[in-house]
Amino acid sequence: MDKITISHLDLWYGAFQALKDVSAAVREKTITAIIGPSGCGKSTLLRVVNRMNDFVEGVRQTGEALIGGRNILLPETDLLFLRRDVGMVFQRPNPFPLSIRDNITFGLQIHGEFCRKCDLDAAVEESLTAVLLWDELKDKLNRSALGLSLEQRQRLCIARLIAVKPEVLLMDEPCSALDPQSTARIEELMRELKRDYTIMIVTHNMQQAARVSEETGFMLLGEMVEFGDTRRIFTAPRDRRTEEYITGRYG
């Protein structure tokens, strides 16, 4: 079953067209990787899914982006609830300059009525347990999140999203600032999380895409050149440009 369906999506930053007739279908509770050279539109596509591009002056888009059958590009979309349902993890871990506990509960408290229906202490434990941090941090919840290691910070940022129970997790180069061991542990966490969440990941690391994703999209110059089963994309691509990129002859 498809969770996200993007159809004939075009996006402009002023006069520059960053996305060109992009279509893709992301299945529920899977990991989908988007690969391609720098500047090809990967992160722009990811940011369409929670309307982060709206913060850029002069942005304009046409086409459809459906989540659960709802077109999130319509003007009447409630962006606060959209960004609760679709969380995003960035390239550099960005915990707030607050305690570990307050980082987790921050989103819950923003959502008011949603927060009043939940037990904050239970939400903190549940979220940190989900990202395998509870045992490490349960006695340090009042310490600043800025004192954590890079890997712990990235896990905390994921836990902060999980606390509000989103449907989709977007990850924009989530391991680029991490060492190989930390990267391996975050990748294992992704595999655990896909049991409950639909995950889209942008990565420049083709080996990572091959390791963690079920489906992969290859982008070039704003176009979705090829999209499909990850194993097929990497072993029998149908487009010459995909083959040239994967084999290192392009990009």
Protein backbone atom coordinates (compact mmCIF):
# COMPACT_ATOMS: atom_id res chain seq x y z
CA MET A 1 0.00 0.00 0.00
CA ASP A 2 1.35 3.42 -0.97
CA LYS A 3 1.73 5.95 1.84
CA ILE A 4 3.09 8.84 -0.26
CA THR A 5 2.21 9.43 -3.90
CA ILE A 6 3.91 12.23 -5.81
CA SER A 7 2.51 12.97 -9.26
CA HIS A 8 3.80 15.32 -11.97
CA LEU A 9 5.46 17.59 -9.42
CA ASP A 10 7.17 20.74 -10.64
CA LEU A 11 8.83 23.21 -8.28
CA TRP A 12 10.46 26.57 -8.91
CA TYR A 13 12.62 28.79 -6.72
CA GLY A 14 11.88 32.06 -8.44
CA ALA A 15 12.83 31.51 -12.10
CA PHE A 16 14.87 28.36 -11.38
CA GLN A 17 13.05 25.05 -11.83
CA ALA A 18 14.37 22.65 -9.18
CA LEU A 19 11.95 19.75 -9.78
CA LYS A 20 10.67 18.70 -13.20
CA ASP A 21 7.61 16.47 -13.57
CA VAL A 22 8.63 14.22 -10.66
CA SER A 23 6.46 11.18 -9.90
CA ALA A 24 7.07 8.49 -7.27
CA ALA A 25 5.10 6.20 -4.97
CA VAL A 26 6.45 5.39 -1.51
CA ARG A 27 5.11 2.26 0.11
CA GLU A 28 3.94 2.24 3.72
CA LYS A 29 6.39 1.05 6.39
CA THR A 30 9.35 0.75 4.08
CA ILE A 31 12.59 2.68 3.60
CA THR A 32 12.83 4.57 0.32
CA ALA A 33 16.18 6.12 -0.64
CA ILE A 34 16.66 9.07 -2.98
CA ILE A 35 20.11 9.23 -4.59
CA GLY A 36 21.82 11.46 -7.14
CA PRO A 37 24.61 14.03 -7.46
CA SER A 38 24.69 17.25 -5.46
CA GLY A 39 22.15 19.82 -6.60
CA CYS A 40 19.90 17.32 -8.39
CA GLY A 41 16.80 18.08 -6.28
CA LYS A 42 16.94 15.26 -3.70
CA SER A 43 16.55 17.44 -0.60
CA THR A 44 14.05 19.70 -2.36
CA LEU A 45 11.86 16.65 -3.05
CA LEU A 46 12.14 15.50 0.55
CA ARG A 47 11.11 18.94 1.81
CA VAL A 48 8.00 18.89 -0.37
CA VAL A 49 6.64 16.08 1.79
CA ASN A 50 6.35 18.31 4.87
CA ARG A 51 6.17 21.66 3.07
CA MET A 52 9.54 22.87 4.37
CA ASN A 53 10.10 24.57 1.02
CA ASP A 54 7.37 27.03 2.00
CA PHE A 55 9.98 28.85 4.09
CA VAL A 56 11.88 29.78 0.91
CA GLU A 57 10.80 33.06 -0.64
CA GLY A 58 9.49 32.78 -4.20
CA VAL A 59 8.85 29.05 -4.15
CA ARG A 60 6.08 27.80 -6.46
CA GLN A 61 4.93 24.25 -7.13
CA THR A 62 2.38 22.39 -9.21
CA GLY A 63 1.28 18.78 -9.27
CA GLU A 64 0.23 16.57 -6.38
CA ALA A 65 1.80 15.15 -3.24
CA LEU A 66 -0.59 12.79 -1.48
CA ILE A 67 -0.12 11.39 2.01
CA GLY A 68 -2.78 8.86 2.89
CA GLY A 69 -4.80 10.13 -0.05
CA ARG A 70 -4.71 13.81 1.01
CA ASN A 71 -3.05 16.35 -1.26
CA ILE A 72 -0.76 18.22 1.12
CA LEU A 73 0.02 20.90 -1.46
CA LEU A 74 -3.47 22.38 -1.22
CA PRO A 75 -3.56 25.85 0.43
CA GLU A 76 -5.97 24.69 3.14
CA THR A 77 -3.47 22.12 4.49
CA ASP A 78 -2.87 22.63 8.22
CA LEU A 79 0.93 22.83 8.30
CA LEU A 80 1.19 22.39 12.08
CA PHE A 81 -0.55 19.03 11.89
CA LEU A 82 1.25 18.07 8.69
CA ARG A 83 4.62 18.58 10.37
CA ARG A 84 3.43 16.58 13.35
CA ASP A 85 2.54 13.70 11.03
CA VAL A 86 5.68 14.08 8.90
CA GLY A 87 8.84 14.58 10.94
CA MET A 88 12.27 15.46 9.59
CA VAL A 89 15.82 14.63 10.65
CA PHE A 90 18.55 16.84 9.23
CA GLN A 91 22.15 16.34 8.14
CA ARG A 92 23.61 17.77 11.35
CA PRO A 93 21.92 16.67 14.58
CA ASN A 94 20.08 19.71 15.93
CA PRO A 95 18.91 19.13 19.50
CA PHE A 96 17.49 22.18 21.23
CA PRO A 97 19.65 23.84 23.93
CA LEU A 98 17.42 22.26 26.58
CA SER A 99 17.51 19.21 28.77
CA ILE A 100 17.20 15.76 27.24
CA ARG A 101 13.72 15.45 28.72
CA ASP A 102 12.59 18.86 27.45
CA ASN A 103 13.81 18.00 23.96
CA ILE A 104 11.50 15.00 23.91
CA THR A 105 8.47 16.80 25.33
CA PHE A 106 8.91 20.00 23.29
CA GLY A 107 6.78 18.86 20.37
CA LEU A 108 4.13 17.37 22.62
CA GLN A 109 3.69 20.66 24.42
CA ILE A 110 3.46 22.61 21.16
CA HIS A 111 0.49 20.51 20.15
CA GLY A 112 -1.59 21.54 23.15
CA GLU A 113 -4.67 19.34 23.31
CA PHE A 114 -2.69 16.44 21.86
CA CYS A 115 -0.22 16.84 24.72
CA ARG A 116 -2.84 16.96 27.47
CA LYS A 117 -3.98 13.49 26.51
CA CYS A 118 -0.57 11.91 27.08
CA ASP A 119 1.70 11.09 29.99
CA LEU A 120 4.90 13.06 29.38
CA ASP A 121 7.11 10.80 31.49
CA ALA A 122 5.80 7.75 29.66
CA ALA A 123 6.33 9.48 26.31
CA VAL A 124 9.95 10.26 27.20
CA GLU A 125 10.65 6.66 28.16
CA GLU A 126 8.84 5.24 25.13
CA SER A 127 10.61 7.54 22.68
CA LEU A 128 14.09 7.01 24.09
CA THR A 129 13.49 3.27 24.25
CA ALA A 130 12.50 3.27 20.57
CA VAL A 131 15.85 4.79 19.60
CA LEU A 132 17.78 2.57 22.05
CA LEU A 133 18.81 5.45 24.33
CA TRP A 134 16.71 4.84 27.44
CA ASP A 135 19.23 2.71 29.31
CA GLU A 136 22.02 5.19 28.53
CA LEU A 137 20.12 8.34 29.45
CA LYS A 138 17.38 7.46 31.95
CA ASP A 139 19.46 8.86 34.83
CA LYS A 140 20.58 11.93 32.85
CA LEU A 141 17.26 13.35 31.63
CA ASN A 142 17.86 16.76 33.21
CA ARG A 143 21.28 17.21 31.58
CA SER A 144 21.71 19.37 28.51
CA ALA A 145 21.20 17.58 25.22
CA LEU A 146 24.16 19.50 23.84
CA GLY A 147 26.50 17.34 25.94
CA LEU A 148 25.64 14.19 24.00
CA SER A 149 27.81 12.58 21.33
CA LEU A 150 26.91 13.18 17.67
CA GLU A 151 25.30 9.76 17.37
CA GLN A 152 23.32 10.25 20.58
CA ARG A 153 22.19 13.67 19.35
CA GLN A 154 20.92 12.20 16.11
CA ARG A 155 19.08 9.45 17.98
CA LEU A 156 17.61 12.09 20.31
CA CYS A 157 16.37 14.11 17.33
CA ILE A 158 14.63 10.99 16.03
CA ALA A 159 13.17 10.34 19.48
CA ARG A 160 11.86 13.93 19.55
CA LEU A 161 9.93 13.19 16.36
CA ILE A 162 8.66 9.82 17.52
CA ALA A 163 7.20 11.35 20.68
CA VAL A 164 4.40 13.02 18.69
CA LYS A 165 3.69 9.75 16.84
CA PRO A 166 4.18 10.79 13.23
CA GLU A 167 3.31 8.64 10.24
CA VAL A 168 6.35 9.48 8.12
CA LEU A 169 10.02 10.10 8.94
CA LEU A 170 12.12 12.12 6.50
CA MET A 171 15.89 11.82 6.84
CA ASP A 172 18.16 14.22 4.93
CA GLU A 173 21.71 12.78 4.92
CA PRO A 174 21.25 11.61 8.55
CA CYS A 175 24.65 9.90 8.76
CA SER A 176 26.89 12.33 6.89
CA ALA A 177 28.31 13.80 10.13
CA LEU A 178 28.85 10.40 11.77
CA ASP A 179 31.75 7.98 11.82
CA PRO A 180 31.35 4.50 10.23
CA GLN A 181 30.45 2.76 13.50
CA SER A 182 27.81 5.35 14.39
CA THR A 183 26.50 5.20 10.82
CA ALA A 184 26.05 1.43 11.10
CA ARG A 185 24.10 1.84 14.34
CA ILE A 186 21.83 4.52 12.87
CA GLU A 187 21.20 2.29 9.86
CA GLU A 188 20.21 -0.55 12.19
CA LEU A 189 17.88 1.86 13.98
CA MET A 190 16.24 2.73 10.64
CA ARG A 191 15.53 -0.94 10.04
CA GLU A 192 13.89 -1.18 13.45
CA LEU A 193 11.84 1.98 12.92
CA LYS A 194 10.38 0.92 9.58
CA ARG A 195 8.21 -1.55 11.46
CA ASP A 196 6.14 1.42 12.58
CA TYR A 197 7.02 4.28 10.21
CA THR A 198 7.32 5.08 6.54
CA ILE A 199 10.86 6.38 5.99
CA MET A 200 12.29 8.47 3.14
CA ILE A 201 16.03 9.03 3.20
CA VAL A 202 18.18 11.26 1.03
CA THR A 203 21.77 10.03 0.86
CA HIS A 204 24.87 10.65 -1.23
CA ASN A 205 26.12 7.24 -0.04
CA MET A 206 24.99 4.66 -2.60
CA GLN A 207 26.19 1.79 -0.42
CA GLN A 208 23.95 3.05 2.35
CA ALA A 209 20.97 3.23 -0.01
CA ALA A 210 21.66 -0.34 -1.13
CA ARG A 211 21.94 -1.55 2.48
CA VAL A 212 18.88 0.00 4.06
CA SER A 213 16.21 0.67 1.44
CA GLU A 214 13.60 -1.43 -0.31
CA GLU A 215 13.09 1.11 -3.09
CA THR A 216 15.36 3.75 -4.59
CA GLY A 217 14.86 6.79 -6.78
CA PHE A 218 17.69 8.24 -8.86
CA MET A 219 17.46 11.97 -9.55
CA LEU A 220 19.38 14.08 -12.03
CA LEU A 221 18.96 17.78 -12.83
CA GLY A 222 15.59 17.92 -11.08
CA GLU A 223 14.17 14.84 -12.80
CA MET A 224 13.29 11.45 -11.33
CA VAL A 225 15.24 9.41 -13.86
CA GLU A 226 14.38 6.03 -12.41
CA PHE A 227 12.43 4.72 -9.42
CA GLY A 228 11.89 1.17 -8.29
CA ASP A 229 13.14 -1.86 -6.38
CA THR A 230 16.55 -1.08 -4.87
CA ARG A 231 18.16 -4.36 -5.91
CA ARG A 232 17.04 -3.87 -9.51
CA ILE A 233 18.15 -0.22 -9.59
CA PHE A 234 21.66 -1.23 -8.49
CA THR A 235 22.03 -4.42 -10.54
CA ALA A 236 19.93 -3.87 -13.67
CA PRO A 237 19.08 -0.18 -14.10
CA ARG A 238 16.85 0.56 -17.09
CA ASP A 239 18.20 4.02 -17.84
CA ARG A 240 21.73 4.57 -19.11
CA ARG A 241 22.12 7.64 -16.86
CA THR A 242 21.35 5.56 -13.77
CA GLU A 243 23.93 2.97 -14.77
CA GLU A 244 26.56 5.64 -15.40
CA TYR A 245 25.95 7.22 -11.99
CA ILE A 246 25.98 3.94 -10.08
CA THR A 247 29.15 2.74 -11.80
CA GLY A 248 30.92 6.04 -11.16
CA ARG A 249 31.05 7.22 -14.76
CA TYR A 250 28.83 10.21 -13.95
CA GLY A 251 28.58 12.50 -10.91
